């Protein structure tokens, strides 16, 4: 206690020349340190800006190279409408009649899946009935099959099941209304859904839209996904297997994308085909972390859509890996 009182008394005395000198020195050093820290911060900010500018410049070069290579391959592509979008760079890399309205076929089911995920609880359980089967049972489903939505969504997207789409629409009478309302909210102004399957109606197109609009939908799906992997990755798997309730025989869902198992770095692949719409594909590839590309193909042929995606994916992977390996 005495020592503290002594210090207080000293501080109450007028400063002598020696104390004043030390205070001035401390003040000057504090100012110098402040200037140094400010300059360091400014320098680091400049370095960060330069790095960001360099990263953007590298990305623009990559997108330009991919565009040039796709243009070289264009004569061998079957699709009438194509759009390639660099997700992280928010840049349309390549487009061909991307805003022309065409049939969407089963790409419609991407919106069906998006709305089902919004309307229904993750633990909601659904059962297929006879009415759902009227769309044509081609996937091996049985009346009475019962699963929670976390199983139904993979089945619908991987096998492109019309039965599952019809089931979702049956469970909520406003389902179709929600699909079209959500499309408008995303800016899909040229898109209309007349059913949840994408099947032609009375010989005419049911769902119509553009490659650009479908890119907006896929981008939204990715942005609302865990770690940017849409539908937990199963939409990019060639085979998905589920156990049936009270049945030892599993349900095996084979992807409708022929040759998918031979492609690499696929996050999502959704096929579509009707006689009126032709062949369609929505495809997402991520060659390396931080490089995600959305590919939309409309009005191709049944087999040509698979060739189109394979060529485009090869180009994207090859040049993305090449650019990532060089310090430009």
C-alpha atoms as a PDB file:
ATOM      1  CA  UNK A   1       0.000   0.000   0.000  1.00  0.00           C
ATOM      2  CA  UNK A   2       2.852   2.400   0.857  1.00  0.00           C
ATOM      3  CA  UNK A   3       4.485   1.845  -2.522  1.00  0.00           C
ATOM      4  CA  UNK A   4       1.248   2.664  -4.350  1.00  0.00           C
ATOM      5  CA  UNK A   5       0.822   5.875  -2.341  1.00  0.00           C
ATOM      6  CA  UNK A   6       4.390   6.790  -3.179  1.00  0.00           C
ATOM      7  CA  UNK A   7       3.778   6.390  -6.915  1.00  0.00           C
ATOM      8  CA  UNK A   8       0.641   8.515  -6.704  1.00  0.00           C
ATOM      9  CA  UNK A   9       2.570  11.298  -4.917  1.00  0.00           C
ATOM     10  CA  UNK A  10       5.281  11.229  -7.572  1.00  0.00           C
ATOM     11  CA  UNK A  11       2.671  11.541 -10.321  1.00  0.00           C
ATOM     12  CA  UNK A  12       1.191  14.549  -8.517  1.00  0.00           C
ATOM     13  CA  UNK A  13       4.528  16.403  -8.646  1.00  0.00           C
ATOM     14  CA  UNK A  14       5.405  18.612 -11.655  1.00  0.00           C
ATOM     15  CA  UNK A  15       7.425  16.747 -14.251  1.00  0.00           C
ATOM     16  CA  UNK A  16      11.133  17.550 -14.272  1.00  0.00           C
ATOM     17  CA  UNK A  17      13.168  17.838 -17.486  1.00  0.00           C
ATOM     18  CA  UNK A  18      14.194  14.172 -17.415  1.00  0.00           C
ATOM     19  CA  UNK A  19      10.607  12.943 -17.165  1.00  0.00           C
ATOM     20  CA  UNK A  20       9.492  15.344 -19.880  1.00  0.00           C
ATOM     21  CA  UNK A  21      12.243  14.063 -22.174  1.00  0.00           C
ATOM     22  CA  UNK A  22      11.165  10.450 -21.700  1.00  0.00           C
ATOM     23  CA  UNK A  23       7.514  11.308 -22.334  1.00  0.00           C
ATOM     24  CA  UNK A  24       8.434  13.075 -25.558  1.00  0.00           C
ATOM     25  CA  UNK A  25      10.476  10.076 -26.677  1.00  0.00           C
ATOM     26  CA  UNK A  26       7.610   7.718 -25.891  1.00  0.00           C
ATOM     27  CA  UNK A  27       5.187   9.980 -27.758  1.00  0.00           C
ATOM     28  CA  UNK A  28       7.424  10.107 -30.822  1.00  0.00           C
ATOM     29  CA  UNK A  29       7.905   6.330 -30.812  1.00  0.00           C
ATOM     30  CA  UNK A  30       4.172   5.813 -30.472  1.00  0.00           C
ATOM     31  CA  UNK A  31       3.553   8.053 -33.495  1.00  0.00           C
ATOM     32  CA  UNK A  32       6.216   6.222 -35.520  1.00  0.00           C
ATOM     33  CA  UNK A  33       4.695   2.852 -34.559  1.00  0.00           C
ATOM     34  CA  UNK A  34       1.239   4.108 -35.515  1.00  0.00           C
ATOM     35  CA  UNK A  35       2.482   5.325 -38.903  1.00  0.00           C
ATOM     36  CA  UNK A  36       4.271   2.009 -39.472  1.00  0.00           C
ATOM     37  CA  UNK A  37       1.175  -0.020 -38.606  1.00  0.00           C
ATOM     38  CA  UNK A  38      -0.988   2.173 -40.844  1.00  0.00           C
ATOM     39  CA  UNK A  39       1.470   1.855 -43.719  1.00  0.00           C
ATOM     40  CA  UNK A  40       1.649  -1.918 -43.215  1.00  0.00           C
ATOM     41  CA  UNK A  41      -2.126  -2.139 -43.282  1.00  0.00           C
ATOM     42  CA  UNK A  42      -2.284  -0.060 -46.440  1.00  0.00           C
ATOM     43  CA  UNK A  43       0.428  -2.181 -48.044  1.00  0.00           C
ATOM     44  CA  UNK A  44      -1.404  -5.392 -47.158  1.00  0.00           C
ATOM     45  CA  UNK A  45      -4.628  -3.958 -48.588  1.00  0.00           C
ATOM     46  CA  UNK A  46      -2.804  -3.139 -51.819  1.00  0.00           C
ATOM     47  CA  UNK A  47      -1.347  -6.656 -51.931  1.00  0.00           C
ATOM     48  CA  UNK A  48      -4.816  -8.149 -51.390  1.00  0.00           C
ATOM     49  CA  UNK A  49      -6.255  -5.961 -54.163  1.00  0.00           C
ATOM     50  CA  UNK A  50      -3.439  -6.969 -56.519  1.00  0.00           C
ATOM     51  CA  UNK A  51      -4.020 -10.643 -55.723  1.00  0.00           C
ATOM     52  CA  UNK A  52      -7.757 -10.256 -56.294  1.00  0.00           C
ATOM     53  CA  UNK A  53      -7.157  -8.438 -59.567  1.00  0.00           C
ATOM     54  CA  UNK A  54      -4.698 -11.130 -60.631  1.00  0.00           C
ATOM     55  CA  UNK A  55      -7.179 -13.871 -59.727  1.00  0.00           C
ATOM     56  CA  UNK A  56      -9.941 -12.180 -61.722  1.00  0.00           C
ATOM     57  CA  UNK A  57      -7.569 -11.673 -64.646  1.00  0.00           C
ATOM     58  CA  UNK A  58      -6.542 -15.350 -64.581  1.00  0.00           C
ATOM     59  CA  UNK A  59     -10.213 -16.368 -64.433  1.00  0.00           C
ATOM     60  CA  UNK A  60     -11.111 -14.162 -67.386  1.00  0.00           C
ATOM     61  CA  UNK A  61      -8.274 -15.700 -69.400  1.00  0.00           C
ATOM     62  CA  UNK A  62      -9.469 -19.201 -68.513  1.00  0.00           C
ATOM     63  CA  UNK A  63     -13.066 -18.401 -69.483  1.00  0.00           C
ATOM     64  CA  UNK A  64     -11.852 -16.930 -72.762  1.00  0.00           C
ATOM     65  CA  UNK A  65      -9.806 -20.031 -73.559  1.00  0.00           C
ATOM     66  CA  UNK A  66     -12.734 -22.333 -72.756  1.00  0.00           C
ATOM     67  CA  UNK A  67     -14.992 -20.204 -74.948  1.00  0.00           C
ATOM     68  CA  UNK A  68     -12.528 -20.397 -77.850  1.00  0.00           C
ATOM     69  CA  UNK A  69     -12.223 -24.165 -77.517  1.00  0.00           C
ATOM     70  CA  UNK A  70     -16.013 -24.631 -77.352  1.00  0.00           C
ATOM     71  CA  UNK A  71     -16.359 -22.518 -80.493  1.00  0.00           C
ATOM     72  CA  UNK A  72     -13.852 -24.799 -82.214  1.00  0.00           C
ATOM     73  CA  UNK A  73     -15.926 -27.809 -81.172  1.00  0.00           C
ATOM     74  CA  UNK A  74     -19.268 -26.149 -82.019  1.00  0.00           C
ATOM     75  CA  UNK A  75     -19.644 -27.763 -85.488  1.00  0.00           C
ATOM     76  CA  UNK A  76     -19.650 -31.164 -83.755  1.00  0.00           C
ATOM     77  CA  UNK A  77     -22.208 -30.228 -81.086  1.00  0.00           C
ATOM     78  CA  UNK A  78     -25.824 -31.289 -81.637  1.00  0.00           C
ATOM     79  CA  UNK A  79     -27.643 -28.875 -79.315  1.00  0.00           C
ATOM     80  CA  UNK A  80     -29.491 -25.871 -80.712  1.00  0.00           C
ATOM     81  CA  UNK A  81     -29.212 -23.977 -77.404  1.00  0.00           C
ATOM     82  CA  UNK A  82     -26.133 -24.051 -75.161  1.00  0.00           C
ATOM     83  CA  UNK A  83     -25.076 -22.020 -72.149  1.00  0.00           C
ATOM     84  CA  UNK A  84     -21.910 -22.438 -70.068  1.00  0.00           C
ATOM     85  CA  UNK A  85     -21.703 -20.405 -66.874  1.00  0.00           C
ATOM     86  CA  UNK A  86     -18.698 -19.846 -64.566  1.00  0.00           C
ATOM     87  CA  UNK A  87     -20.339 -19.830 -61.136  1.00  0.00           C
ATOM     88  CA  UNK A  88     -17.579 -18.266 -59.027  1.00  0.00           C
ATOM     89  CA  UNK A  89     -16.733 -15.640 -61.637  1.00  0.00           C
ATOM     90  CA  UNK A  90     -20.455 -15.005 -62.324  1.00  0.00           C
ATOM     91  CA  UNK A  91     -19.696 -15.019 -66.017  1.00  0.00           C
ATOM     92  CA  UNK A  92     -21.376 -16.541 -69.070  1.00  0.00           C
ATOM     93  CA  UNK A  93     -18.461 -18.335 -70.723  1.00  0.00           C
ATOM     94  CA  UNK A  94     -20.278 -19.442 -73.862  1.00  0.00           C
ATOM     95  CA  UNK A  95     -23.794 -19.163 -75.236  1.00  0.00           C
ATOM     96  CA  UNK A  96     -25.665 -20.213 -78.320  1.00  0.00           C
ATOM     97  CA  UNK A  97     -29.309 -19.168 -78.618  1.00  0.00           C
ATOM     98  CA  UNK A  98     -29.374 -19.222 -74.822  1.00  0.00           C
ATOM     99  CA  UNK A  99     -32.494 -17.056 -74.593  1.00  0.00           C
ATOM    100  CA  UNK A 100     -34.580 -18.827 -77.207  1.00  0.00           C
ATOM    101  CA  UNK A 101     -37.618 -20.581 -75.717  1.00  0.00           C
ATOM    102  CA  UNK A 102     -37.507 -24.345 -76.152  1.00  0.00           C
ATOM    103  CA  UNK A 103     -38.949 -27.462 -74.552  1.00  0.00           C
ATOM    104  CA  UNK A 104     -37.462 -28.405 -71.179  1.00  0.00           C
ATOM    105  CA  UNK A 105     -38.656 -32.015 -71.007  1.00  0.00           C
ATOM    106  CA  UNK A 106     -37.515 -33.622 -67.737  1.00  0.00           C
ATOM    107  CA  UNK A 107     -35.262 -30.720 -66.785  1.00  0.00           C
ATOM    108  CA  UNK A 108     -38.596 -29.647 -65.321  1.00  0.00           C
ATOM    109  CA  UNK A 109     -37.895 -32.082 -62.479  1.00  0.00           C
ATOM    110  CA  UNK A 110     -35.117 -29.809 -61.195  1.00  0.00           C
ATOM    111  CA  UNK A 111     -37.816 -27.303 -60.288  1.00  0.00           C
ATOM    112  CA  UNK A 112     -40.021 -30.142 -59.016  1.00  0.00           C
ATOM    113  CA  UNK A 113     -37.199 -31.191 -56.675  1.00  0.00           C
ATOM    114  CA  UNK A 114     -36.541 -27.607 -55.594  1.00  0.00           C
ATOM    115  CA  UNK A 115     -40.186 -27.021 -54.669  1.00  0.00           C
ATOM    116  CA  UNK A 116     -40.609 -30.421 -53.003  1.00  0.00           C
ATOM    117  CA  UNK A 117     -37.652 -29.565 -50.799  1.00  0.00           C
ATOM    118  CA  UNK A 118     -39.300 -26.280 -49.843  1.00  0.00           C
ATOM    119  CA  UNK A 119     -42.878 -27.504 -49.329  1.00  0.00           C
ATOM    120  CA  UNK A 120     -42.312 -30.774 -47.507  1.00  0.00           C
ATOM    121  CA  UNK A 121     -40.502 -31.661 -44.298  1.00  0.00           C
ATOM    122  CA  UNK A 122     -37.238 -33.625 -44.781  1.00  0.00           C
ATOM    123  CA  UNK A 123     -38.822 -36.472 -42.813  1.00  0.00           C
ATOM    124  CA  UNK A 124     -42.145 -36.399 -44.697  1.00  0.00           C
ATOM    125  CA  UNK A 125     -43.123 -39.875 -45.926  1.00  0.00           C
ATOM    126  CA  UNK A 126     -44.807 -40.447 -49.312  1.00  0.00           C
ATOM    127  CA  UNK A 127     -46.447 -43.474 -50.890  1.00  0.00           C
ATOM    128  CA  UNK A 128     -46.851 -44.202 -54.608  1.00  0.00           C
ATOM    129  CA  UNK A 129     -50.420 -45.070 -55.687  1.00  0.00           C
ATOM    130  CA  UNK A 130     -52.170 -46.212 -58.874  1.00  0.00           C
ATOM    131  CA  UNK A 131     -52.821 -42.666 -60.107  1.00  0.00           C
ATOM    132  CA  UNK A 132     -49.114 -41.839 -59.961  1.00  0.00           C
ATOM    133  CA  UNK A 133     -48.396 -44.871 -62.130  1.00  0.00           C
ATOM    134  CA  UNK A 134     -50.553 -43.546 -64.975  1.00  0.00           C
ATOM    135  CA  UNK A 135     -47.520 -41.661 -66.305  1.00  0.00           C
ATOM    136  CA  UNK A 136     -45.967 -45.053 -67.144  1.00  0.00           C
ATOM    137  CA  UNK A 137     -44.027 -47.244 -64.748  1.00  0.00           C
ATOM    138  CA  UNK A 138     -40.625 -47.687 -66.346  1.00  0.00           C
ATOM    139  CA  UNK A 139     -38.360 -47.434 -63.288  1.00  0.00           C
ATOM    140  CA  UNK A 140     -39.305 -50.559 -61.341  1.00  0.00           C
ATOM    141  CA  UNK A 141     -41.383 -48.783 -58.707  1.00  0.00           C
ATOM    142  CA  UNK A 142     -44.322 -50.576 -57.129  1.00  0.00           C
ATOM    143  CA  UNK A 143     -47.673 -49.282 -55.917  1.00  0.00           C
ATOM    144  CA  UNK A 144     -47.309 -48.928 -52.169  1.00  0.00           C
ATOM    145  CA  UNK A 145     -43.594 -48.074 -52.240  1.00  0.00           C
ATOM    146  CA  UNK A 146     -43.063 -45.822 -49.252  1.00  0.00           C
ATOM    147  CA  UNK A 147     -40.031 -43.685 -48.436  1.00  0.00           C
ATOM    148  CA  UNK A 148     -39.233 -40.336 -46.841  1.00  0.00           C
ATOM    149  CA  UNK A 149     -38.600 -37.471 -49.242  1.00  0.00           C
ATOM    150  CA  UNK A 150     -34.819 -37.790 -48.800  1.00  0.00           C
ATOM    151  CA  UNK A 151     -35.105 -41.074 -50.754  1.00  0.00           C
ATOM    152  CA  UNK A 152     -37.760 -39.992 -53.231  1.00  0.00           C
ATOM    153  CA  UNK A 153     -35.771 -37.003 -54.482  1.00  0.00           C
ATOM    154  CA  UNK A 154     -32.743 -39.094 -55.539  1.00  0.00           C
ATOM    155  CA  UNK A 155     -35.036 -41.627 -57.213  1.00  0.00           C
ATOM    156  CA  UNK A 156     -36.801 -38.895 -59.175  1.00  0.00           C
ATOM    157  CA  UNK A 157     -33.653 -37.082 -60.270  1.00  0.00           C
ATOM    158  CA  UNK A 158     -31.469 -40.112 -61.006  1.00  0.00           C
ATOM    159  CA  UNK A 159     -34.097 -42.179 -62.850  1.00  0.00           C
ATOM    160  CA  UNK A 160     -36.110 -39.157 -64.063  1.00  0.00           C
ATOM    161  CA  UNK A 161     -39.202 -40.808 -62.605  1.00  0.00           C
ATOM    162  CA  UNK A 162     -42.477 -39.294 -63.794  1.00  0.00           C
ATOM    163  CA  UNK A 163     -44.278 -41.332 -61.144  1.00  0.00           C
ATOM    164  CA  UNK A 164     -42.474 -39.558 -58.309  1.00  0.00           C
ATOM    165  CA  UNK A 165     -43.081 -36.147 -59.871  1.00  0.00           C
ATOM    166  CA  UNK A 166     -46.801 -36.920 -60.164  1.00  0.00           C
ATOM    167  CA  UNK A 167     -46.821 -38.100 -56.550  1.00  0.00           C
ATOM    168  CA  UNK A 168     -45.373 -34.819 -55.282  1.00  0.00           C
ATOM    169  CA  UNK A 169     -47.912 -32.852 -57.292  1.00  0.00           C
ATOM    170  CA  UNK A 170     -50.721 -35.021 -55.900  1.00  0.00           C
ATOM    171  CA  UNK A 171     -49.666 -34.431 -52.304  1.00  0.00           C
ATOM    172  CA  UNK A 172     -50.012 -30.649 -52.651  1.00  0.00           C
ATOM    173  CA  UNK A 173     -52.731 -29.185 -54.859  1.00  0.00           C
ATOM    174  CA  UNK A 174     -50.804 -25.918 -55.257  1.00  0.00           C
ATOM    175  CA  UNK A 175     -47.545 -27.586 -56.294  1.00  0.00           C
ATOM    176  CA  UNK A 176     -47.630 -26.374 -59.905  1.00  0.00           C
ATOM    177  CA  UNK A 177     -48.514 -22.873 -58.794  1.00  0.00           C
ATOM    178  CA  UNK A 178     -45.477 -22.862 -56.504  1.00  0.00           C
ATOM    179  CA  UNK A 179     -43.240 -24.018 -59.366  1.00  0.00           C
ATOM    180  CA  UNK A 180     -44.233 -21.126 -61.610  1.00  0.00           C
ATOM    181  CA  UNK A 181     -44.184 -18.570 -58.799  1.00  0.00           C
ATOM    182  CA  UNK A 182     -40.681 -19.586 -57.769  1.00  0.00           C
ATOM    183  CA  UNK A 183     -39.510 -19.439 -61.380  1.00  0.00           C
ATOM    184  CA  UNK A 184     -40.646 -15.817 -61.584  1.00  0.00           C
ATOM    185  CA  UNK A 185     -38.888 -15.000 -58.317  1.00  0.00           C
ATOM    186  CA  UNK A 186     -35.605 -16.200 -59.850  1.00  0.00           C
ATOM    187  CA  UNK A 187     -36.078 -14.089 -62.972  1.00  0.00           C
ATOM    188  CA  UNK A 188     -36.969 -17.075 -65.163  1.00  0.00           C
ATOM    189  CA  UNK A 189     -39.267 -14.826 -67.151  1.00  0.00           C
ATOM    190  CA  UNK A 190     -39.437 -17.010 -70.255  1.00  0.00           C
ATOM    191  CA  UNK A 191     -40.283 -20.225 -68.413  1.00  0.00           C
ATOM    192  CA  UNK A 192     -43.685 -21.860 -67.869  1.00  0.00           C
ATOM    193  CA  UNK A 193     -44.400 -25.212 -66.227  1.00  0.00           C
ATOM    194  CA  UNK A 194     -47.669 -26.949 -67.130  1.00  0.00           C
ATOM    195  CA  UNK A 195     -46.892 -30.117 -65.193  1.00  0.00           C
ATOM    196  CA  UNK A 196     -44.276 -31.430 -62.788  1.00  0.00           C
ATOM    197  CA  UNK A 197     -42.892 -34.085 -65.152  1.00  0.00           C
ATOM    198  CA  UNK A 198     -42.036 -32.231 -68.353  1.00  0.00           C
ATOM    199  CA  UNK A 199     -43.960 -34.787 -70.422  1.00  0.00           C
ATOM    200  CA  UNK A 200     -45.552 -33.506 -73.620  1.00  0.00           C
ATOM    201  CA  UNK A 201     -49.269 -32.752 -73.341  1.00  0.00           C
ATOM    202  CA  UNK A 202     -51.555 -33.779 -76.213  1.00  0.00           C
ATOM    203  CA  UNK A 203     -48.595 -33.946 -78.542  1.00  0.00           C
ATOM    204  CA  UNK A 204     -47.347 -30.490 -77.601  1.00  0.00           C
ATOM    205  CA  UNK A 205     -44.737 -29.080 -75.240  1.00  0.00           C
ATOM    206  CA  UNK A 206     -45.693 -28.828 -71.583  1.00  0.00           C
ATOM    207  CA  UNK A 207     -42.740 -27.058 -69.971  1.00  0.00           C
ATOM    208  CA  UNK A 208     -41.006 -24.307 -71.919  1.00  0.00           C
ATOM    209  CA  UNK A 209     -38.023 -22.160 -71.106  1.00  0.00           C
ATOM    210  CA  UNK A 210     -34.562 -21.046 -72.096  1.00  0.00           C
ATOM    211  CA  UNK A 211     -31.054 -22.262 -71.378  1.00  0.00           C
ATOM    212  CA  UNK A 212     -30.456 -18.981 -69.567  1.00  0.00           C
ATOM    213  CA  UNK A 213     -33.483 -19.512 -67.312  1.00  0.00           C
ATOM    214  CA  UNK A 214     -32.406 -23.048 -66.480  1.00  0.00           C
ATOM    215  CA  UNK A 215     -28.966 -21.745 -65.520  1.00  0.00           C
ATOM    216  CA  UNK A 216     -30.662 -19.420 -63.021  1.00  0.00           C
ATOM    217  CA  UNK A 217     -32.468 -22.389 -61.487  1.00  0.00           C
ATOM    218  CA  UNK A 218     -29.366 -24.580 -61.255  1.00  0.00           C
ATOM    219  CA  UNK A 219     -27.386 -21.687 -59.781  1.00  0.00           C
ATOM    220  CA  UNK A 220     -30.067 -21.225 -57.140  1.00  0.00           C
ATOM    221  CA  UNK A 221     -29.993 -24.947 -56.320  1.00  0.00           C
ATOM    222  CA  UNK A 222     -26.214 -24.861 -55.883  1.00  0.00           C
ATOM    223  CA  UNK A 223     -26.344 -21.716 -53.739  1.00  0.00           C
ATOM    224  CA  UNK A 224     -28.828 -23.407 -51.412  1.00  0.00           C
ATOM    225  CA  UNK A 225     -26.856 -26.654 -51.164  1.00  0.00           C
ATOM    226  CA  UNK A 226     -24.467 -27.946 -48.519  1.00  0.00           C
ATOM    227  CA  UNK A 227     -20.916 -26.992 -49.507  1.00  0.00           C
ATOM    228  CA  UNK A 228     -22.208 -26.031 -52.957  1.00  0.00           C
ATOM    229  CA  UNK A 229     -22.927 -29.663 -53.853  1.00  0.00           C
ATOM    230  CA  UNK A 230     -26.496 -29.883 -55.197  1.00  0.00           C
ATOM    231  CA  UNK A 231     -28.740 -32.617 -53.775  1.00  0.00           C
ATOM    232  CA  UNK A 232     -25.871 -33.937 -51.632  1.00  0.00           C
ATOM    233  CA  UNK A 233     -24.098 -35.258 -54.726  1.00  0.00           C
ATOM    234  CA  UNK A 234     -26.448 -38.110 -55.598  1.00  0.00           C
ATOM    235  CA  UNK A 235     -27.657 -36.325 -58.751  1.00  0.00           C
ATOM    236  CA  UNK A 236     -24.147 -36.848 -60.098  1.00  0.00           C
ATOM    237  CA  UNK A 237     -23.965 -40.542 -59.183  1.00  0.00           C
ATOM    238  CA  UNK A 238     -24.458 -43.220 -61.815  1.00  0.00           C
ATOM    239  CA  UNK A 239     -26.217 -45.612 -59.399  1.00  0.00           C
ATOM    240  CA  UNK A 240     -28.109 -45.086 -56.142  1.00  0.00           C
ATOM    241  CA  UNK A 241     -29.485 -47.996 -54.088  1.00  0.00           C
ATOM    242  CA  UNK A 242     -32.209 -47.943 -51.413  1.00  0.00           C
ATOM    243  CA  UNK A 243     -33.713 -50.582 -49.143  1.00  0.00           C
ATOM    244  CA  UNK A 244     -37.462 -51.145 -49.413  1.00  0.00           C
ATOM    245  CA  UNK A 245     -39.698 -51.244 -46.369  1.00  0.00           C
ATOM    246  CA  UNK A 246     -40.621 -54.863 -45.537  1.00  0.00           C
ATOM    247  CA  UNK A 247     -38.815 -56.107 -48.637  1.00  0.00           C
ATOM    248  CA  UNK A 248     -35.299 -57.594 -48.664  1.00  0.00           C
ATOM    249  CA  UNK A 249     -34.882 -56.746 -52.346  1.00  0.00           C
ATOM    250  CA  UNK A 250     -33.328 -53.273 -52.704  1.00  0.00           C
ATOM    251  CA  UNK A 251     -34.435 -50.667 -55.199  1.00  0.00           C
ATOM    252  CA  UNK A 252     -31.610 -49.818 -57.594  1.00  0.00           C
ATOM    253  CA  UNK A 253     -31.813 -46.442 -59.298  1.00  0.00           C
ATOM    254  CA  UNK A 254     -29.675 -46.232 -62.440  1.00  0.00           C
ATOM    255  CA  UNK A 255     -28.951 -42.767 -63.792  1.00  0.00           C
ATOM    256  CA  UNK A 256     -30.508 -41.886 -67.141  1.00  0.00           C
ATOM    257  CA  UNK A 257     -27.261 -40.213 -68.222  1.00  0.00           C
ATOM    258  CA  UNK A 258     -25.523 -42.769 -70.420  1.00  0.00           C
ATOM    259  CA  UNK A 259     -21.795 -42.781 -69.830  1.00  0.00           C
ATOM    260  CA  UNK A 260     -21.993 -40.743 -66.621  1.00  0.00           C
ATOM    261  CA  UNK A 261     -19.681 -43.197 -64.831  1.00  0.00           C
ATOM    262  CA  UNK A 262     -16.945 -42.346 -67.349  1.00  0.00           C
ATOM    263  CA  UNK A 263     -17.079 -38.613 -66.634  1.00  0.00           C
ATOM    264  CA  UNK A 264     -15.186 -36.942 -63.810  1.00  0.00           C
ATOM    265  CA  UNK A 265     -15.885 -34.151 -61.299  1.00  0.00           C
ATOM    266  CA  UNK A 266     -19.651 -34.232 -61.909  1.00  0.00           C
ATOM    267  CA  UNK A 267     -21.794 -32.570 -59.225  1.00  0.00           C
ATOM    268  CA  UNK A 268     -25.123 -32.820 -61.021  1.00  0.00           C
ATOM    269  CA  UNK A 269     -26.489 -34.317 -64.204  1.00  0.00           C
ATOM    270  CA  UNK A 270     -30.143 -34.152 -65.178  1.00  0.00           C
ATOM    271  CA  UNK A 271     -31.391 -35.514 -68.464  1.00  0.00           C
ATOM    272  CA  UNK A 272     -34.510 -34.671 -70.422  1.00  0.00           C
ATOM    273  CA  UNK A 273     -36.061 -35.963 -73.606  1.00  0.00           C
ATOM    274  CA  UNK A 274     -39.408 -35.875 -75.397  1.00  0.00           C
ATOM    275  CA  UNK A 275     -40.192 -36.030 -79.100  1.00  0.00           C
ATOM    276  CA  UNK A 276     -41.153 -32.350 -79.120  1.00  0.00           C
ATOM    277  CA  UNK A 277     -38.404 -31.027 -76.866  1.00  0.00           C
ATOM    278  CA  UNK A 278     -35.599 -33.229 -78.150  1.00  0.00           C
ATOM    279  CA  UNK A 279     -32.634 -33.981 -75.919  1.00  0.00           C
ATOM    280  CA  UNK A 280     -31.814 -31.753 -72.950  1.00  0.00           C
ATOM    281  CA  UNK A 281     -29.190 -31.738 -70.216  1.00  0.00           C
ATOM    282  CA  UNK A 282     -28.414 -29.727 -67.101  1.00  0.00           C
ATOM    283  CA  UNK A 283     -24.878 -30.465 -65.980  1.00  0.00           C
ATOM    284  CA  UNK A 284     -22.563 -29.156 -63.260  1.00  0.00           C
ATOM    285  CA  UNK A 285     -18.838 -29.885 -63.170  1.00  0.00           C
ATOM    286  CA  UNK A 286     -16.177 -28.785 -60.665  1.00  0.00           C
ATOM    287  CA  UNK A 287     -12.708 -29.658 -62.037  1.00  0.00           C
ATOM    288  CA  UNK A 288     -10.976 -28.327 -58.924  1.00  0.00           C
ATOM    289  CA  UNK A 289     -12.089 -26.517 -55.794  1.00  0.00           C
ATOM    290  CA  UNK A 290     -13.266 -22.985 -56.556  1.00  0.00           C
ATOM    291  CA  UNK A 291     -14.008 -23.681 -60.220  1.00  0.00           C
ATOM    292  CA  UNK A 292     -17.635 -24.621 -60.861  1.00  0.00           C
ATOM    293  CA  UNK A 293     -19.289 -24.575 -64.275  1.00  0.00           C
ATOM    294  CA  UNK A 294     -22.974 -24.941 -65.123  1.00  0.00           C
ATOM    295  CA  UNK A 295     -23.751 -26.393 -68.558  1.00  0.00           C
ATOM    296  CA  UNK A 296     -27.263 -26.240 -70.042  1.00  0.00           C
ATOM    297  CA  UNK A 297     -28.137 -27.976 -73.318  1.00  0.00           C
ATOM    298  CA  UNK A 298     -31.536 -27.770 -75.046  1.00  0.00           C
ATOM    299  CA  UNK A 299     -32.916 -29.144 -78.312  1.00  0.00           C
ATOM    300  CA  UNK A 300     -30.204 -31.733 -78.888  1.00  0.00           C
ATOM    301  CA  UNK A 301     -30.869 -35.335 -79.919  1.00  0.00           C
ATOM    302  CA  UNK A 302     -31.415 -38.332 -77.653  1.00  0.00           C
ATOM    303  CA  UNK A 303     -27.811 -39.550 -77.874  1.00  0.00           C
ATOM    304  CA  UNK A 304     -26.283 -36.266 -79.060  1.00  0.00           C
ATOM    305  CA  UNK A 305     -26.876 -34.615 -75.666  1.00  0.00           C
ATOM    306  CA  UNK A 306     -24.509 -37.114 -74.029  1.00  0.00           C
ATOM    307  CA  UNK A 307     -21.838 -36.459 -76.669  1.00  0.00           C
ATOM    308  CA  UNK A 308     -22.306 -32.697 -76.252  1.00  0.00           C
ATOM    309  CA  UNK A 309     -21.820 -32.836 -72.490  1.00  0.00           C
ATOM    310  CA  UNK A 310     -18.807 -35.167 -72.764  1.00  0.00           C
ATOM    311  CA  UNK A 311     -17.036 -32.824 -75.213  1.00  0.00           C
ATOM    312  CA  UNK A 312     -17.810 -29.725 -73.170  1.00  0.00           C
ATOM    313  CA  UNK A 313     -16.803 -31.351 -69.890  1.00  0.00           C
ATOM    314  CA  UNK A 314     -13.493 -32.555 -71.345  1.00  0.00           C
ATOM    315  CA  UNK A 315     -12.641 -29.020 -72.479  1.00  0.00           C
ATOM    316  CA  UNK A 316     -13.570 -27.450 -69.139  1.00  0.00           C
ATOM    317  CA  UNK A 317     -11.562 -29.974 -67.101  1.00  0.00           C
ATOM    318  CA  UNK A 318      -8.511 -29.934 -69.379  1.00  0.00           C
ATOM    319  CA  UNK A 319      -8.027 -26.167 -69.446  1.00  0.00           C
ATOM    320  CA  UNK A 320      -9.038 -25.503 -65.855  1.00  0.00           C
ATOM    321  CA  UNK A 321      -6.436 -27.986 -64.612  1.00  0.00           C
ATOM    322  CA  UNK A 322      -3.886 -26.561 -67.051  1.00  0.00           C
ATOM    323  CA  UNK A 323      -4.392 -22.995 -65.828  1.00  0.00           C
ATOM    324  CA  UNK A 324      -4.340 -24.061 -62.189  1.00  0.00           C
ATOM    325  CA  UNK A 325      -0.947 -25.738 -62.731  1.00  0.00           C
ATOM    326  CA  UNK A 326       0.753 -22.613 -64.045  1.00  0.00           C
ATOM    327  CA  UNK A 327       1.724 -19.480 -62.144  1.00  0.00           C
ATOM    328  CA  UNK A 328       0.721 -16.900 -64.760  1.00  0.00           C
END
